C-alpha atoms as a PDB file:
ATOM      1  CA  UNK A   1     -79.681  68.792 -41.729  1.00  0.00           C
ATOM      2  CA  UNK A   2     -80.603  71.037 -38.845  1.00  0.00           C
ATOM      3  CA  UNK A   3     -78.286  72.529 -36.268  1.00  0.00           C
ATOM      4  CA  UNK A   4     -79.252  73.037 -32.649  1.00  0.00           C
ATOM      5  CA  UNK A   5     -77.138  75.669 -30.924  1.00  0.00           C
ATOM      6  CA  UNK A   6     -77.235  76.603 -27.257  1.00  0.00           C
ATOM      7  CA  UNK A   7     -79.415  79.682 -26.879  1.00  0.00           C
ATOM      8  CA  UNK A   8     -76.731  81.337 -24.719  1.00  0.00           C
ATOM      9  CA  UNK A   9     -74.430  81.692 -27.745  1.00  0.00           C
ATOM     10  CA  UNK A  10     -74.101  85.286 -28.924  1.00  0.00           C
ATOM     11  CA  UNK A  11     -74.525  86.322 -32.572  1.00  0.00           C
ATOM     12  CA  UNK A  12     -70.812  85.964 -33.346  1.00  0.00           C
ATOM     13  CA  UNK A  13     -70.659  82.473 -31.821  1.00  0.00           C
ATOM     14  CA  UNK A  14     -73.827  81.406 -33.623  1.00  0.00           C
ATOM     15  CA  UNK A  15     -72.467  82.561 -36.982  1.00  0.00           C
ATOM     16  CA  UNK A  16     -69.139  80.793 -36.351  1.00  0.00           C
ATOM     17  CA  UNK A  17     -70.805  77.494 -35.396  1.00  0.00           C
ATOM     18  CA  UNK A  18     -73.086  77.626 -38.435  1.00  0.00           C
ATOM     19  CA  UNK A  19     -70.118  78.346 -40.722  1.00  0.00           C
ATOM     20  CA  UNK A  20     -68.004  75.534 -39.275  1.00  0.00           C
ATOM     21  CA  UNK A  21     -70.827  72.968 -39.228  1.00  0.00           C
ATOM     22  CA  UNK A  22     -71.810  73.724 -42.809  1.00  0.00           C
ATOM     23  CA  UNK A  23     -68.228  73.436 -44.041  1.00  0.00           C
ATOM     24  CA  UNK A  24     -68.209  77.102 -44.956  1.00  0.00           C
ATOM     25  CA  UNK A  25     -64.849  78.658 -45.763  1.00  0.00           C
ATOM     26  CA  UNK A  26     -63.336  75.182 -46.227  1.00  0.00           C
ATOM     27  CA  UNK A  27     -62.011  73.991 -49.560  1.00  0.00           C
ATOM     28  CA  UNK A  28     -64.008  71.178 -51.143  1.00  0.00           C
ATOM     29  CA  UNK A  29     -63.091  67.885 -49.509  1.00  0.00           C
ATOM     30  CA  UNK A  30     -60.718  69.490 -47.004  1.00  0.00           C
ATOM     31  CA  UNK A  31     -62.693  68.727 -43.840  1.00  0.00           C
ATOM     32  CA  UNK A  32     -65.169  66.065 -42.798  1.00  0.00           C
ATOM     33  CA  UNK A  33     -67.735  68.746 -41.943  1.00  0.00           C
ATOM     34  CA  UNK A  34     -67.523  70.201 -45.455  1.00  0.00           C
ATOM     35  CA  UNK A  35     -67.876  66.733 -46.972  1.00  0.00           C
ATOM     36  CA  UNK A  36     -70.780  65.848 -44.646  1.00  0.00           C
ATOM     37  CA  UNK A  37     -72.579  69.145 -45.339  1.00  0.00           C
ATOM     38  CA  UNK A  38     -72.154  68.652 -49.083  1.00  0.00           C
ATOM     39  CA  UNK A  39     -74.275  65.479 -48.863  1.00  0.00           C
ATOM     40  CA  UNK A  40     -77.258  67.311 -47.391  1.00  0.00           C
ATOM     41  CA  UNK A  41     -80.045  68.246 -49.781  1.00  0.00           C
ATOM     42  CA  UNK A  42     -81.957  70.380 -47.288  1.00  0.00           C
ATOM     43  CA  UNK A  43     -80.598  72.723 -44.647  1.00  0.00           C
ATOM     44  CA  UNK A  44     -83.345  73.560 -42.166  1.00  0.00           C
ATOM     45  CA  UNK A  45     -83.196  76.758 -40.093  1.00  0.00           C
ATOM     46  CA  UNK A  46     -80.943  76.552 -37.053  1.00  0.00           C
ATOM     47  CA  UNK A  47     -82.717  76.073 -33.739  1.00  0.00           C
ATOM     48  CA  UNK A  48     -81.510  77.956 -30.676  1.00  0.00           C
ATOM     49  CA  UNK A  49     -82.464  75.935 -27.599  1.00  0.00           C
ATOM     50  CA  UNK A  50     -81.226  75.562 -24.034  1.00  0.00           C
ATOM     51  CA  UNK A  51     -78.580  72.853 -23.838  1.00  0.00           C
ATOM     52  CA  UNK A  52     -77.411  71.327 -20.567  1.00  0.00           C
ATOM     53  CA  UNK A  53     -74.607  68.803 -20.257  1.00  0.00           C
ATOM     54  CA  UNK A  54     -73.345  66.956 -17.207  1.00  0.00           C
ATOM     55  CA  UNK A  55     -70.616  64.376 -16.987  1.00  0.00           C
ATOM     56  CA  UNK A  56     -69.616  62.463 -13.869  1.00  0.00           C
ATOM     57  CA  UNK A  57     -66.687  60.687 -15.523  1.00  0.00           C
ATOM     58  CA  UNK A  58     -63.176  61.989 -16.008  1.00  0.00           C
ATOM     59  CA  UNK A  59     -61.349  61.052 -19.193  1.00  0.00           C
ATOM     60  CA  UNK A  60     -57.795  61.772 -20.168  1.00  0.00           C
ATOM     61  CA  UNK A  61     -55.161  60.420 -22.481  1.00  0.00           C
ATOM     62  CA  UNK A  62     -51.763  59.923 -20.940  1.00  0.00           C
ATOM     63  CA  UNK A  63     -49.248  59.411 -23.725  1.00  0.00           C
ATOM     64  CA  UNK A  64     -46.316  57.183 -22.895  1.00  0.00           C
ATOM     65  CA  UNK A  65     -43.974  58.293 -25.674  1.00  0.00           C
ATOM     66  CA  UNK A  66     -44.600  61.967 -26.357  1.00  0.00           C
ATOM     67  CA  UNK A  67     -47.573  64.227 -26.859  1.00  0.00           C
ATOM     68  CA  UNK A  68     -48.510  63.689 -30.522  1.00  0.00           C
ATOM     69  CA  UNK A  69     -50.736  60.900 -31.832  1.00  0.00           C
ATOM     70  CA  UNK A  70     -51.583  59.842 -35.366  1.00  0.00           C
ATOM     71  CA  UNK A  71     -54.939  58.498 -34.142  1.00  0.00           C
ATOM     72  CA  UNK A  72     -56.776  57.682 -30.916  1.00  0.00           C
ATOM     73  CA  UNK A  73     -59.722  55.320 -30.423  1.00  0.00           C
ATOM     74  CA  UNK A  74     -61.570  55.515 -27.112  1.00  0.00           C
ATOM     75  CA  UNK A  75     -64.606  53.616 -25.852  1.00  0.00           C
ATOM     76  CA  UNK A  76     -65.811  51.598 -22.874  1.00  0.00           C
ATOM     77  CA  UNK A  77     -63.175  52.869 -20.474  1.00  0.00           C
ATOM     78  CA  UNK A  78     -60.172  51.863 -22.533  1.00  0.00           C
ATOM     79  CA  UNK A  79     -58.159  53.670 -25.142  1.00  0.00           C
ATOM     80  CA  UNK A  80     -55.879  52.723 -27.955  1.00  0.00           C
ATOM     81  CA  UNK A  81     -53.580  55.256 -29.534  1.00  0.00           C
ATOM     82  CA  UNK A  82     -51.223  55.050 -32.451  1.00  0.00           C
ATOM     83  CA  UNK A  83     -48.218  57.277 -32.691  1.00  0.00           C
ATOM     84  CA  UNK A  84     -45.087  57.081 -34.804  1.00  0.00           C
ATOM     85  CA  UNK A  85     -43.705  54.317 -32.559  1.00  0.00           C
ATOM     86  CA  UNK A  86     -46.736  51.987 -32.836  1.00  0.00           C
ATOM     87  CA  UNK A  87     -49.866  51.131 -30.854  1.00  0.00           C
ATOM     88  CA  UNK A  88     -50.238  51.807 -27.139  1.00  0.00           C
ATOM     89  CA  UNK A  89     -53.129  50.551 -25.052  1.00  0.00           C
ATOM     90  CA  UNK A  90     -54.180  52.017 -21.743  1.00  0.00           C
ATOM     91  CA  UNK A  91     -57.159  52.794 -19.568  1.00  0.00           C
ATOM     92  CA  UNK A  92     -59.009  56.043 -19.145  1.00  0.00           C
ATOM     93  CA  UNK A  93     -58.609  57.313 -15.603  1.00  0.00           C
END
């Protein structure tokens, strides 16, 4: 595994990202990042490179029955969310 972190991140941000991505300070099995990192045999040195990101699309979830969801699946301009009342389907505006 090898992390690539934006070179504009300061030392504190870099350390935090490396800790989170490696599952550091998480109990065994308590987060998907800790579980994922535990499957890696080799951890290569982190690269610090320029990262640019642009997005022309706007995405938002508009809940119809409250603000909390048990899960949300989004792809291809549609979304499906599941809350305590059941499944809701909508489009991403």
